């Protein structure tokens, strides 16, 4: 039997770990179910709206306290790598999203296409991109900078792309008020976190706290989106075949981007560690950023339907990239000379 080294008590593996169930995925499913079964109405809906805004602001404030400005500026010197990642995120993905329009109405409904296009306009993930790069024994420092830069730029680029691309497809109307709300709700807390980072970083860097805020805010946004969908009766006509179509399109989309990023990284003659960064940071989309932004950009629209493709794609990318990271990590362990040393654990 294993023991906890600090308390010498028997260590018991968490139940979810024993069952191989992802806790975050389970939380998303529960949030969706609660939103469908117990939607907020009337005064409760108004309270939920304000609670969601506060949670999102706190989340981006914490993002600001995490990023070391000096580290980011130093890492930006690897400009070819970061430019490649940003091109995959904000050029390749949007072009693929626009190409999906040919799938209407045979494969995707208009609403689900809007959701697929929206996920193509989002920044990369931060935590999972870095984690998978580390597992695969890639360039972790470069992954930190690429993923963080993608997220910071996404606060500006995603609303701009939504305005330019989704208005022309009739999918959304983004006003100056929406852009101002993005700045106030996302960018302002992030800047405040950066300014107060030196004073609050140690206090707010506690893993449990950040995990609770990260996941809690996402769960709250998911509940609010599906709750509003029930109140507006947008789920009445949803078919299982439509959900299966989104899953199939998401799998193909991820496969195309993984192949493209791997091919471009080889063409540009990046070494193994940097190729891993391009593949993982360039192929993923951020649920944590996309959900809060959708509530602002698509106010008055069926947000639940719009973010459904994002939630499906998010799970597919996690499962696929986790498998790839594990495989490449094991290969690097078998041939240590082919991989850089793992970063020291602190």
C-alpha atoms as a PDB file:
ATOM      1  CA  UNK A   1       0.000   0.000   0.000  1.00  0.00           C
ATOM      2  CA  UNK A   2       1.237   3.514  -0.870  1.00  0.00           C
ATOM      3  CA  UNK A   3       1.557   6.153   1.841  1.00  0.00           C
ATOM      4  CA  UNK A   4       1.331   9.951   1.859  1.00  0.00           C
ATOM      5  CA  UNK A   5       4.897  11.057   2.670  1.00  0.00           C
ATOM      6  CA  UNK A   6       3.794  14.095   4.660  1.00  0.00           C
ATOM      7  CA  UNK A   7       1.182  12.484   6.921  1.00  0.00           C
ATOM      8  CA  UNK A   8       2.201   8.795   6.635  1.00  0.00           C
ATOM      9  CA  UNK A   9      -1.433   7.909   6.104  1.00  0.00           C
ATOM     10  CA  UNK A  10      -2.388   5.295   3.500  1.00  0.00           C
ATOM     11  CA  UNK A  11      -2.667   6.916   0.074  1.00  0.00           C
ATOM     12  CA  UNK A  12      -5.856   6.158  -1.790  1.00  0.00           C
ATOM     13  CA  UNK A  13      -6.082   6.820  -5.483  1.00  0.00           C
ATOM     14  CA  UNK A  14      -9.038   9.084  -6.368  1.00  0.00           C
ATOM     15  CA  UNK A  15     -12.130   7.231  -7.537  1.00  0.00           C
ATOM     16  CA  UNK A  16     -12.226   9.074 -10.886  1.00  0.00           C
ATOM     17  CA  UNK A  17      -8.586   8.150 -11.539  1.00  0.00           C
ATOM     18  CA  UNK A  18      -9.338   4.480 -10.819  1.00  0.00           C
ATOM     19  CA  UNK A  19     -12.233   4.569 -13.268  1.00  0.00           C
ATOM     20  CA  UNK A  20     -10.121   6.535 -15.804  1.00  0.00           C
ATOM     21  CA  UNK A  21     -12.748   9.298 -15.973  1.00  0.00           C
ATOM     22  CA  UNK A  22     -11.579  12.817 -16.768  1.00  0.00           C
ATOM     23  CA  UNK A  23     -12.856  15.057 -13.963  1.00  0.00           C
ATOM     24  CA  UNK A  24     -13.045  18.155 -16.143  1.00  0.00           C
ATOM     25  CA  UNK A  25     -15.069  16.358 -18.810  1.00  0.00           C
ATOM     26  CA  UNK A  26     -17.385  14.988 -16.124  1.00  0.00           C
ATOM     27  CA  UNK A  27     -17.849  18.506 -14.743  1.00  0.00           C
ATOM     28  CA  UNK A  28     -18.775  19.823 -18.193  1.00  0.00           C
ATOM     29  CA  UNK A  29     -21.352  17.065 -18.668  1.00  0.00           C
ATOM     30  CA  UNK A  30     -22.840  17.754 -15.222  1.00  0.00           C
ATOM     31  CA  UNK A  31     -22.980  21.523 -15.936  1.00  0.00           C
ATOM     32  CA  UNK A  32     -24.747  20.870 -19.230  1.00  0.00           C
ATOM     33  CA  UNK A  33     -27.208  18.462 -17.586  1.00  0.00           C
ATOM     34  CA  UNK A  34     -28.027  20.855 -14.746  1.00  0.00           C
ATOM     35  CA  UNK A  35     -28.542  23.684 -17.254  1.00  0.00           C
ATOM     36  CA  UNK A  36     -30.944  21.509 -19.260  1.00  0.00           C
ATOM     37  CA  UNK A  37     -32.838  20.115 -16.267  1.00  0.00           C
ATOM     38  CA  UNK A  38     -32.783  23.110 -13.900  1.00  0.00           C
ATOM     39  CA  UNK A  39     -32.487  26.258 -16.027  1.00  0.00           C
ATOM     40  CA  UNK A  40     -32.319  29.605 -14.257  1.00  0.00           C
ATOM     41  CA  UNK A  41     -35.319  31.821 -14.862  1.00  0.00           C
ATOM     42  CA  UNK A  42     -36.438  35.296 -13.853  1.00  0.00           C
ATOM     43  CA  UNK A  43     -34.408  36.873 -11.041  1.00  0.00           C
ATOM     44  CA  UNK A  44     -32.217  33.758 -10.825  1.00  0.00           C
ATOM     45  CA  UNK A  45     -31.213  34.249 -14.473  1.00  0.00           C
ATOM     46  CA  UNK A  46     -30.229  37.868 -13.766  1.00  0.00           C
ATOM     47  CA  UNK A  47     -28.128  36.803 -10.775  1.00  0.00           C
ATOM     48  CA  UNK A  48     -26.506  34.074 -12.887  1.00  0.00           C
ATOM     49  CA  UNK A  49     -25.633  36.603 -15.593  1.00  0.00           C
ATOM     50  CA  UNK A  50     -23.795  38.837 -13.129  1.00  0.00           C
ATOM     51  CA  UNK A  51     -22.139  35.887 -11.393  1.00  0.00           C
ATOM     52  CA  UNK A  52     -20.830  34.693 -14.764  1.00  0.00           C
ATOM     53  CA  UNK A  53     -19.382  38.121 -15.556  1.00  0.00           C
ATOM     54  CA  UNK A  54     -17.634  38.283 -12.184  1.00  0.00           C
ATOM     55  CA  UNK A  55     -16.225  34.752 -12.571  1.00  0.00           C
ATOM     56  CA  UNK A  56     -14.874  35.560 -16.045  1.00  0.00           C
ATOM     57  CA  UNK A  57     -13.232  38.756 -14.799  1.00  0.00           C
ATOM     58  CA  UNK A  58     -11.581  36.874 -11.918  1.00  0.00           C
ATOM     59  CA  UNK A  59     -10.367  34.199 -14.336  1.00  0.00           C
ATOM     60  CA  UNK A  60      -8.623  36.691 -16.606  1.00  0.00           C
ATOM     61  CA  UNK A  61      -7.223  38.539 -13.600  1.00  0.00           C
ATOM     62  CA  UNK A  62      -5.548  35.274 -12.548  1.00  0.00           C
ATOM     63  CA  UNK A  63      -4.245  34.789 -16.094  1.00  0.00           C
ATOM     64  CA  UNK A  64      -2.577  38.177 -15.728  1.00  0.00           C
ATOM     65  CA  UNK A  65      -0.897  37.217 -12.449  1.00  0.00           C
ATOM     66  CA  UNK A  66       0.533  34.018 -13.965  1.00  0.00           C
ATOM     67  CA  UNK A  67       2.446  35.351 -16.968  1.00  0.00           C
ATOM     68  CA  UNK A  68       5.948  36.649 -16.304  1.00  0.00           C
ATOM     69  CA  UNK A  69       6.392  39.630 -18.683  1.00  0.00           C
ATOM     70  CA  UNK A  70      10.179  39.299 -18.754  1.00  0.00           C
ATOM     71  CA  UNK A  71       9.933  35.599 -19.617  1.00  0.00           C
ATOM     72  CA  UNK A  72       7.478  36.314 -22.413  1.00  0.00           C
ATOM     73  CA  UNK A  73       9.675  39.027 -23.951  1.00  0.00           C
ATOM     74  CA  UNK A  74      12.718  36.761 -23.779  1.00  0.00           C
ATOM     75  CA  UNK A  75      10.875  33.889 -25.380  1.00  0.00           C
ATOM     76  CA  UNK A  76       9.582  36.040 -28.233  1.00  0.00           C
ATOM     77  CA  UNK A  77      13.098  36.019 -29.700  1.00  0.00           C
ATOM     78  CA  UNK A  78      12.249  32.616 -31.191  1.00  0.00           C
ATOM     79  CA  UNK A  79      10.103  34.470 -33.688  1.00  0.00           C
ATOM     80  CA  UNK A  80       9.987  31.859 -36.482  1.00  0.00           C
ATOM     81  CA  UNK A  81       8.486  29.292 -34.138  1.00  0.00           C
ATOM     82  CA  UNK A  82       5.900  31.644 -32.618  1.00  0.00           C
ATOM     83  CA  UNK A  83       4.946  33.077 -36.026  1.00  0.00           C
ATOM     84  CA  UNK A  84       4.307  29.539 -37.272  1.00  0.00           C
ATOM     85  CA  UNK A  85       2.050  28.779 -34.292  1.00  0.00           C
ATOM     86  CA  UNK A  86       0.133  32.046 -34.695  1.00  0.00           C
ATOM     87  CA  UNK A  87      -0.283  31.417 -38.438  1.00  0.00           C
ATOM     88  CA  UNK A  88      -1.813  28.011 -37.707  1.00  0.00           C
ATOM     89  CA  UNK A  89      -4.116  29.515 -35.081  1.00  0.00           C
ATOM     90  CA  UNK A  90      -5.257  32.669 -36.851  1.00  0.00           C
ATOM     91  CA  UNK A  91      -4.786  31.897 -40.571  1.00  0.00           C
ATOM     92  CA  UNK A  92      -5.034  28.145 -41.207  1.00  0.00           C
ATOM     93  CA  UNK A  93      -7.920  27.505 -38.827  1.00  0.00           C
ATOM     94  CA  UNK A  94     -10.061  30.456 -40.062  1.00  0.00           C
ATOM     95  CA  UNK A  95      -9.527  29.399 -43.696  1.00  0.00           C
ATOM     96  CA  UNK A  96     -10.657  25.875 -42.846  1.00  0.00           C
ATOM     97  CA  UNK A  97     -13.623  27.335 -40.973  1.00  0.00           C
ATOM     98  CA  UNK A  98     -14.698  29.326 -44.010  1.00  0.00           C
ATOM     99  CA  UNK A  99     -14.281  26.250 -46.219  1.00  0.00           C
ATOM    100  CA  UNK A 100     -16.753  24.364 -44.007  1.00  0.00           C
ATOM    101  CA  UNK A 101     -19.535  26.555 -45.351  1.00  0.00           C
ATOM    102  CA  UNK A 102     -19.940  24.021 -48.165  1.00  0.00           C
ATOM    103  CA  UNK A 103     -21.239  21.590 -45.507  1.00  0.00           C
ATOM    104  CA  UNK A 104     -24.452  23.649 -45.096  1.00  0.00           C
ATOM    105  CA  UNK A 105     -27.132  22.258 -45.056  1.00  0.00           C
ATOM    106  CA  UNK A 106     -26.173  18.699 -46.001  1.00  0.00           C
ATOM    107  CA  UNK A 107     -23.944  18.093 -42.938  1.00  0.00           C
ATOM    108  CA  UNK A 108     -24.194  21.117 -40.623  1.00  0.00           C
ATOM    109  CA  UNK A 109     -27.112  23.382 -39.788  1.00  0.00           C
ATOM    110  CA  UNK A 110     -26.585  27.137 -40.003  1.00  0.00           C
ATOM    111  CA  UNK A 111     -26.297  27.438 -36.214  1.00  0.00           C
ATOM    112  CA  UNK A 112     -23.776  24.599 -35.868  1.00  0.00           C
ATOM    113  CA  UNK A 113     -21.714  25.996 -38.732  1.00  0.00           C
ATOM    114  CA  UNK A 114     -21.536  29.312 -36.860  1.00  0.00           C
ATOM    115  CA  UNK A 115     -20.204  27.367 -33.887  1.00  0.00           C
ATOM    116  CA  UNK A 116     -17.592  25.541 -36.004  1.00  0.00           C
ATOM    117  CA  UNK A 117     -16.441  28.798 -37.571  1.00  0.00           C
ATOM    118  CA  UNK A 118     -16.286  30.473 -34.164  1.00  0.00           C
ATOM    119  CA  UNK A 119     -14.040  27.771 -32.693  1.00  0.00           C
ATOM    120  CA  UNK A 120     -11.703  28.236 -35.677  1.00  0.00           C
ATOM    121  CA  UNK A 121     -11.243  31.909 -34.706  1.00  0.00           C
ATOM    122  CA  UNK A 122     -10.203  31.270 -31.088  1.00  0.00           C
ATOM    123  CA  UNK A 123      -6.701  31.334 -29.551  1.00  0.00           C
ATOM    124  CA  UNK A 124      -4.764  28.249 -28.527  1.00  0.00           C
ATOM    125  CA  UNK A 125      -5.046  26.624 -25.121  1.00  0.00           C
ATOM    126  CA  UNK A 126      -2.440  27.424 -22.462  1.00  0.00           C
ATOM    127  CA  UNK A 127      -2.387  24.721 -19.793  1.00  0.00           C
ATOM    128  CA  UNK A 128      -2.903  21.652 -21.987  1.00  0.00           C
ATOM    129  CA  UNK A 129      -0.523  22.861 -24.718  1.00  0.00           C
ATOM    130  CA  UNK A 130       2.249  23.281 -22.162  1.00  0.00           C
ATOM    131  CA  UNK A 131       1.418  20.033 -20.366  1.00  0.00           C
ATOM    132  CA  UNK A 132       1.413  17.940 -23.543  1.00  0.00           C
ATOM    133  CA  UNK A 133       4.635  19.556 -24.746  1.00  0.00           C
ATOM    134  CA  UNK A 134       6.264  18.634 -21.443  1.00  0.00           C
ATOM    135  CA  UNK A 135       4.980  15.027 -21.581  1.00  0.00           C
ATOM    136  CA  UNK A 136       6.305  14.656 -25.140  1.00  0.00           C
ATOM    137  CA  UNK A 137       9.647  16.171 -24.036  1.00  0.00           C
ATOM    138  CA  UNK A 138       9.384  19.179 -26.319  1.00  0.00           C
ATOM    139  CA  UNK A 139      10.503  22.790 -25.854  1.00  0.00           C
ATOM    140  CA  UNK A 140       8.442  23.723 -22.775  1.00  0.00           C
ATOM    141  CA  UNK A 141       9.709  27.323 -22.527  1.00  0.00           C
ATOM    142  CA  UNK A 142       8.713  27.997 -26.134  1.00  0.00           C
ATOM    143  CA  UNK A 143       5.305  26.402 -25.529  1.00  0.00           C
ATOM    144  CA  UNK A 144       4.710  28.728 -22.575  1.00  0.00           C
ATOM    145  CA  UNK A 145       5.427  31.783 -24.712  1.00  0.00           C
ATOM    146  CA  UNK A 146       3.532  30.577 -27.810  1.00  0.00           C
ATOM    147  CA  UNK A 147       0.398  29.570 -25.919  1.00  0.00           C
ATOM    148  CA  UNK A 148       0.390  32.673 -23.710  1.00  0.00           C
ATOM    149  CA  UNK A 149       0.994  35.000 -26.657  1.00  0.00           C
ATOM    150  CA  UNK A 150      -1.814  33.330 -28.603  1.00  0.00           C
ATOM    151  CA  UNK A 151      -4.204  33.897 -25.701  1.00  0.00           C
ATOM    152  CA  UNK A 152      -3.203  37.524 -25.167  1.00  0.00           C
ATOM    153  CA  UNK A 153      -3.511  38.363 -28.868  1.00  0.00           C
ATOM    154  CA  UNK A 154      -6.797  36.467 -29.008  1.00  0.00           C
ATOM    155  CA  UNK A 155      -8.468  39.117 -26.873  1.00  0.00           C
ATOM    156  CA  UNK A 156      -7.992  41.473 -29.842  1.00  0.00           C
ATOM    157  CA  UNK A 157      -7.794  39.138 -32.863  1.00  0.00           C
ATOM    158  CA  UNK A 158     -10.795  36.899 -32.172  1.00  0.00           C
ATOM    159  CA  UNK A 159     -13.369  39.747 -31.937  1.00  0.00           C
ATOM    160  CA  UNK A 160     -11.805  41.286 -35.057  1.00  0.00           C
ATOM    161  CA  UNK A 161     -12.058  38.007 -36.991  1.00  0.00           C
ATOM    162  CA  UNK A 162     -15.625  37.481 -35.771  1.00  0.00           C
ATOM    163  CA  UNK A 163     -16.494  40.967 -37.005  1.00  0.00           C
ATOM    164  CA  UNK A 164     -14.838  40.464 -40.402  1.00  0.00           C
ATOM    165  CA  UNK A 165     -15.821  36.867 -41.129  1.00  0.00           C
ATOM    166  CA  UNK A 166     -19.015  36.059 -39.245  1.00  0.00           C
ATOM    167  CA  UNK A 167     -20.914  39.193 -40.196  1.00  0.00           C
ATOM    168  CA  UNK A 168     -20.300  38.434 -43.853  1.00  0.00           C
ATOM    169  CA  UNK A 169     -21.761  34.947 -43.346  1.00  0.00           C
ATOM    170  CA  UNK A 170     -24.761  36.336 -41.504  1.00  0.00           C
ATOM    171  CA  UNK A 171     -23.776  34.513 -38.360  1.00  0.00           C
ATOM    172  CA  UNK A 172     -23.409  37.307 -35.847  1.00  0.00           C
ATOM    173  CA  UNK A 173     -23.541  41.009 -35.345  1.00  0.00           C
ATOM    174  CA  UNK A 174     -20.634  42.378 -33.326  1.00  0.00           C
ATOM    175  CA  UNK A 175     -21.115  45.982 -32.263  1.00  0.00           C
ATOM    176  CA  UNK A 176     -18.718  48.513 -30.774  1.00  0.00           C
ATOM    177  CA  UNK A 177     -20.445  47.844 -27.454  1.00  0.00           C
ATOM    178  CA  UNK A 178     -19.459  44.164 -27.647  1.00  0.00           C
ATOM    179  CA  UNK A 179     -15.831  45.075 -28.302  1.00  0.00           C
ATOM    180  CA  UNK A 180     -15.908  47.472 -25.342  1.00  0.00           C
ATOM    181  CA  UNK A 181     -17.335  44.710 -23.142  1.00  0.00           C
ATOM    182  CA  UNK A 182     -14.506  42.414 -24.223  1.00  0.00           C
ATOM    183  CA  UNK A 183     -11.984  45.070 -23.208  1.00  0.00           C
ATOM    184  CA  UNK A 184     -13.641  45.746 -19.851  1.00  0.00           C
ATOM    185  CA  UNK A 185     -14.444  42.155 -18.951  1.00  0.00           C
ATOM    186  CA  UNK A 186     -11.343  40.360 -20.266  1.00  0.00           C
ATOM    187  CA  UNK A 187      -8.496  42.743 -21.060  1.00  0.00           C
ATOM    188  CA  UNK A 188      -8.853  45.124 -18.106  1.00  0.00           C
ATOM    189  CA  UNK A 189      -8.709  42.317 -15.478  1.00  0.00           C
ATOM    190  CA  UNK A 190      -5.744  40.766 -17.329  1.00  0.00           C
ATOM    191  CA  UNK A 191      -3.824  44.064 -17.267  1.00  0.00           C
ATOM    192  CA  UNK A 192      -4.719  44.524 -13.586  1.00  0.00           C
ATOM    193  CA  UNK A 193      -3.305  41.062 -12.904  1.00  0.00           C
ATOM    194  CA  UNK A 194      -0.095  41.961 -14.708  1.00  0.00           C
ATOM    195  CA  UNK A 195       0.272  45.178 -12.710  1.00  0.00           C
ATOM    196  CA  UNK A 196      -0.316  43.414  -9.386  1.00  0.00           C
ATOM    197  CA  UNK A 197       1.605  40.279 -10.295  1.00  0.00           C
ATOM    198  CA  UNK A 198       4.667  41.006  -8.144  1.00  0.00           C
ATOM    199  CA  UNK A 199       2.499  41.411  -5.047  1.00  0.00           C
ATOM    200  CA  UNK A 200      -0.034  38.643  -5.606  1.00  0.00           C
ATOM    201  CA  UNK A 201       1.763  35.995  -7.657  1.00  0.00           C
ATOM    202  CA  UNK A 202       2.889  33.878  -4.705  1.00  0.00           C
ATOM    203  CA  UNK A 203      -0.547  34.033  -3.077  1.00  0.00           C
ATOM    204  CA  UNK A 204      -2.489  33.311  -6.275  1.00  0.00           C
ATOM    205  CA  UNK A 205      -0.095  30.741  -7.737  1.00  0.00           C
ATOM    206  CA  UNK A 206      -1.475  28.009  -5.475  1.00  0.00           C
ATOM    207  CA  UNK A 207      -2.452  25.128  -7.766  1.00  0.00           C
ATOM    208  CA  UNK A 208      -5.731  24.329  -6.007  1.00  0.00           C
ATOM    209  CA  UNK A 209      -6.959  27.936  -6.114  1.00  0.00           C
ATOM    210  CA  UNK A 210      -6.226  28.440  -9.805  1.00  0.00           C
ATOM    211  CA  UNK A 211      -7.744  25.053 -10.658  1.00  0.00           C
ATOM    212  CA  UNK A 212     -10.956  25.872  -8.786  1.00  0.00           C
ATOM    213  CA  UNK A 213     -11.280  29.285 -10.462  1.00  0.00           C
ATOM    214  CA  UNK A 214     -10.342  27.916 -13.909  1.00  0.00           C
ATOM    215  CA  UNK A 215     -12.787  25.065 -13.874  1.00  0.00           C
ATOM    216  CA  UNK A 216     -15.440  26.792 -11.790  1.00  0.00           C
ATOM    217  CA  UNK A 217     -15.745  29.723 -14.187  1.00  0.00           C
ATOM    218  CA  UNK A 218     -15.975  27.384 -17.194  1.00  0.00           C
ATOM    219  CA  UNK A 219     -18.637  25.265 -15.486  1.00  0.00           C
ATOM    220  CA  UNK A 220     -20.606  28.416 -14.658  1.00  0.00           C
ATOM    221  CA  UNK A 221     -20.452  29.668 -18.257  1.00  0.00           C
ATOM    222  CA  UNK A 222     -21.511  26.249 -19.609  1.00  0.00           C
ATOM    223  CA  UNK A 223     -24.437  26.102 -17.179  1.00  0.00           C
ATOM    224  CA  UNK A 224     -25.494  29.652 -18.106  1.00  0.00           C
ATOM    225  CA  UNK A 225     -25.307  28.908 -21.860  1.00  0.00           C
ATOM    226  CA  UNK A 226     -27.369  25.709 -21.666  1.00  0.00           C
ATOM    227  CA  UNK A 227     -29.759  27.236 -19.146  1.00  0.00           C
ATOM    228  CA  UNK A 228     -30.441  30.132 -21.517  1.00  0.00           C
ATOM    229  CA  UNK A 229     -30.892  27.645 -24.347  1.00  0.00           C
ATOM    230  CA  UNK A 230     -33.620  25.863 -22.411  1.00  0.00           C
ATOM    231  CA  UNK A 231     -35.326  29.121 -21.546  1.00  0.00           C
ATOM    232  CA  UNK A 232     -35.300  30.078 -25.241  1.00  0.00           C
ATOM    233  CA  UNK A 233     -36.339  26.560 -26.416  1.00  0.00           C
ATOM    234  CA  UNK A 234     -33.377  26.258 -28.807  1.00  0.00           C
ATOM    235  CA  UNK A 235     -32.753  22.577 -27.960  1.00  0.00           C
ATOM    236  CA  UNK A 236     -36.184  21.401 -29.079  1.00  0.00           C
ATOM    237  CA  UNK A 237     -35.136  20.622 -32.632  1.00  0.00           C
ATOM    238  CA  UNK A 238     -31.631  19.284 -31.890  1.00  0.00           C
ATOM    239  CA  UNK A 239     -31.103  15.854 -33.467  1.00  0.00           C
ATOM    240  CA  UNK A 240     -28.590  13.162 -32.527  1.00  0.00           C
ATOM    241  CA  UNK A 241     -27.497  13.106 -36.171  1.00  0.00           C
ATOM    242  CA  UNK A 242     -26.524  16.788 -35.907  1.00  0.00           C
ATOM    243  CA  UNK A 243     -24.314  16.119 -32.880  1.00  0.00           C
ATOM    244  CA  UNK A 244     -22.693  13.156 -34.667  1.00  0.00           C
ATOM    245  CA  UNK A 245     -22.037  15.416 -37.648  1.00  0.00           C
ATOM    246  CA  UNK A 246     -20.241  17.942 -35.406  1.00  0.00           C
ATOM    247  CA  UNK A 247     -18.118  15.125 -33.933  1.00  0.00           C
ATOM    248  CA  UNK A 248     -17.164  13.862 -37.403  1.00  0.00           C
ATOM    249  CA  UNK A 249     -16.314  17.345 -38.710  1.00  0.00           C
ATOM    250  CA  UNK A 250     -14.264  18.067 -35.568  1.00  0.00           C
ATOM    251  CA  UNK A 251     -12.244  14.869 -35.996  1.00  0.00           C
ATOM    252  CA  UNK A 252     -11.469  15.711 -39.624  1.00  0.00           C
ATOM    253  CA  UNK A 253     -10.622  19.330 -38.735  1.00  0.00           C
ATOM    254  CA  UNK A 254      -8.172  18.280 -36.024  1.00  0.00           C
ATOM    255  CA  UNK A 255      -6.570  15.644 -38.271  1.00  0.00           C
ATOM    256  CA  UNK A 256      -6.021  18.190 -41.058  1.00  0.00           C
ATOM    257  CA  UNK A 257      -4.464  20.746 -38.696  1.00  0.00           C
ATOM    258  CA  UNK A 258      -2.228  18.158 -37.001  1.00  0.00           C
ATOM    259  CA  UNK A 259      -0.964  16.997 -40.385  1.00  0.00           C
ATOM    260  CA  UNK A 260      -0.474  20.565 -41.621  1.00  0.00           C
ATOM    261  CA  UNK A 261       1.412  21.767 -38.539  1.00  0.00           C
ATOM    262  CA  UNK A 262       3.642  18.680 -38.544  1.00  0.00           C
ATOM    263  CA  UNK A 263       4.382  19.121 -42.258  1.00  0.00           C
ATOM    264  CA  UNK A 264       5.145  22.848 -42.017  1.00  0.00           C
ATOM    265  CA  UNK A 265       7.364  22.327 -38.959  1.00  0.00           C
ATOM    266  CA  UNK A 266       9.428  19.757 -40.884  1.00  0.00           C
ATOM    267  CA  UNK A 267       9.519  21.978 -43.964  1.00  0.00           C
ATOM    268  CA  UNK A 268      10.907  24.838 -41.862  1.00  0.00           C
ATOM    269  CA  UNK A 269      13.502  22.426 -40.411  1.00  0.00           C
ATOM    270  CA  UNK A 270      12.576  22.904 -36.770  1.00  0.00           C
ATOM    271  CA  UNK A 271      14.205  20.412 -34.443  1.00  0.00           C
ATOM    272  CA  UNK A 272      12.148  17.747 -32.677  1.00  0.00           C
ATOM    273  CA  UNK A 273      11.469  19.829 -29.544  1.00  0.00           C
ATOM    274  CA  UNK A 274      10.205  22.812 -31.555  1.00  0.00           C
ATOM    275  CA  UNK A 275       8.114  20.649 -33.894  1.00  0.00           C
ATOM    276  CA  UNK A 276       6.238  19.387 -30.855  1.00  0.00           C
ATOM    277  CA  UNK A 277       5.468  22.990 -29.842  1.00  0.00           C
ATOM    278  CA  UNK A 278       4.129  23.817 -33.317  1.00  0.00           C
ATOM    279  CA  UNK A 279       1.935  20.714 -33.370  1.00  0.00           C
ATOM    280  CA  UNK A 280       0.446  21.068 -29.881  1.00  0.00           C
ATOM    281  CA  UNK A 281       0.147  24.867 -29.660  1.00  0.00           C
ATOM    282  CA  UNK A 282      -0.974  25.248 -33.278  1.00  0.00           C
ATOM    283  CA  UNK A 283      -3.679  22.574 -33.284  1.00  0.00           C
ATOM    284  CA  UNK A 284      -5.724  23.399 -30.188  1.00  0.00           C
ATOM    285  CA  UNK A 285      -8.467  25.867 -29.334  1.00  0.00           C
ATOM    286  CA  UNK A 286      -9.158  27.359 -25.922  1.00  0.00           C
ATOM    287  CA  UNK A 287     -12.426  26.458 -24.222  1.00  0.00           C
ATOM    288  CA  UNK A 288     -11.562  28.656 -21.215  1.00  0.00           C
ATOM    289  CA  UNK A 289     -11.242  31.722 -23.460  1.00  0.00           C
ATOM    290  CA  UNK A 290     -13.887  30.815 -26.024  1.00  0.00           C
ATOM    291  CA  UNK A 291     -16.821  30.310 -23.658  1.00  0.00           C
ATOM    292  CA  UNK A 292     -16.555  33.657 -21.826  1.00  0.00           C
ATOM    293  CA  UNK A 293     -15.959  35.519 -25.079  1.00  0.00           C
ATOM    294  CA  UNK A 294     -19.006  33.904 -26.703  1.00  0.00           C
ATOM    295  CA  UNK A 295     -21.306  35.190 -23.958  1.00  0.00           C
ATOM    296  CA  UNK A 296     -20.226  38.724 -24.864  1.00  0.00           C
ATOM    297  CA  UNK A 297     -19.867  38.477 -28.648  1.00  0.00           C
ATOM    298  CA  UNK A 298     -23.122  36.601 -29.200  1.00  0.00           C
ATOM    299  CA  UNK A 299     -25.384  38.293 -26.684  1.00  0.00           C
ATOM    300  CA  UNK A 300     -28.947  37.786 -27.874  1.00  0.00           C
ATOM    301  CA  UNK A 301     -27.996  34.714 -29.962  1.00  0.00           C
ATOM    302  CA  UNK A 302     -28.349  30.997 -29.036  1.00  0.00           C
ATOM    303  CA  UNK A 303     -24.992  30.804 -27.252  1.00  0.00           C
ATOM    304  CA  UNK A 304     -25.549  27.193 -26.229  1.00  0.00           C
ATOM    305  CA  UNK A 305     -25.651  26.015 -29.849  1.00  0.00           C
ATOM    306  CA  UNK A 306     -22.724  28.226 -30.824  1.00  0.00           C
ATOM    307  CA  UNK A 307     -20.397  26.846 -28.125  1.00  0.00           C
ATOM    308  CA  UNK A 308     -21.481  23.198 -28.529  1.00  0.00           C
ATOM    309  CA  UNK A 309     -18.972  22.517 -31.370  1.00  0.00           C
ATOM    310  CA  UNK A 310     -16.231  24.121 -29.259  1.00  0.00           C
ATOM    311  CA  UNK A 311     -16.956  21.830 -26.305  1.00  0.00           C
ATOM    312  CA  UNK A 312     -16.977  18.767 -28.563  1.00  0.00           C
ATOM    313  CA  UNK A 313     -13.764  19.776 -30.347  1.00  0.00           C
ATOM    314  CA  UNK A 314     -12.111  20.495 -26.990  1.00  0.00           C
ATOM    315  CA  UNK A 315     -12.641  16.932 -25.772  1.00  0.00           C
ATOM    316  CA  UNK A 316     -11.467  15.422 -29.065  1.00  0.00           C
ATOM    317  CA  UNK A 317      -8.283  17.519 -29.056  1.00  0.00           C
ATOM    318  CA  UNK A 318      -7.512  16.560 -25.443  1.00  0.00           C
ATOM    319  CA  UNK A 319      -7.938  12.831 -26.066  1.00  0.00           C
ATOM    320  CA  UNK A 320      -5.958  12.879 -29.329  1.00  0.00           C
ATOM    321  CA  UNK A 321      -3.111  15.094 -28.136  1.00  0.00           C
ATOM    322  CA  UNK A 322      -2.818  13.196 -24.851  1.00  0.00           C
ATOM    323  CA  UNK A 323      -2.318   9.980 -26.830  1.00  0.00           C
ATOM    324  CA  UNK A 324       0.267  11.631 -29.109  1.00  0.00           C
ATOM    325  CA  UNK A 325       2.132  13.218 -26.195  1.00  0.00           C
ATOM    326  CA  UNK A 326       2.329   9.901 -24.347  1.00  0.00           C
ATOM    327  CA  UNK A 327       3.560   8.091 -27.438  1.00  0.00           C
ATOM    328  CA  UNK A 328       6.234  10.680 -28.245  1.00  0.00           C
ATOM    329  CA  UNK A 329       7.280  10.889 -24.605  1.00  0.00           C
ATOM    330  CA  UNK A 330       7.800   7.124 -24.446  1.00  0.00           C
ATOM    331  CA  UNK A 331       9.740   7.198 -27.711  1.00  0.00           C
ATOM    332  CA  UNK A 332      11.984   9.948 -26.308  1.00  0.00           C
ATOM    333  CA  UNK A 333      12.553   7.913 -23.141  1.00  0.00           C
ATOM    334  CA  UNK A 334      13.627   4.932 -25.258  1.00  0.00           C
ATOM    335  CA  UNK A 335      16.022   7.115 -27.281  1.00  0.00           C
ATOM    336  CA  UNK A 336      17.255   9.848 -24.876  1.00  0.00           C
ATOM    337  CA  UNK A 337      19.743  11.265 -27.371  1.00  0.00           C
ATOM    338  CA  UNK A 338      16.859  12.299 -29.649  1.00  0.00           C
ATOM    339  CA  UNK A 339      15.167  14.441 -27.011  1.00  0.00           C
ATOM    340  CA  UNK A 340      16.226  17.344 -24.777  1.00  0.00           C
ATOM    341  CA  UNK A 341      16.395  16.746 -21.008  1.00  0.00           C
ATOM    342  CA  UNK A 342      13.191  17.280 -19.051  1.00  0.00           C
ATOM    343  CA  UNK A 343      12.963  20.603 -17.200  1.00  0.00           C
ATOM    344  CA  UNK A 344      13.768  20.452 -13.501  1.00  0.00           C
ATOM    345  CA  UNK A 345      10.710  20.063 -11.274  1.00  0.00           C
ATOM    346  CA  UNK A 346      10.211  22.823  -8.733  1.00  0.00           C
END
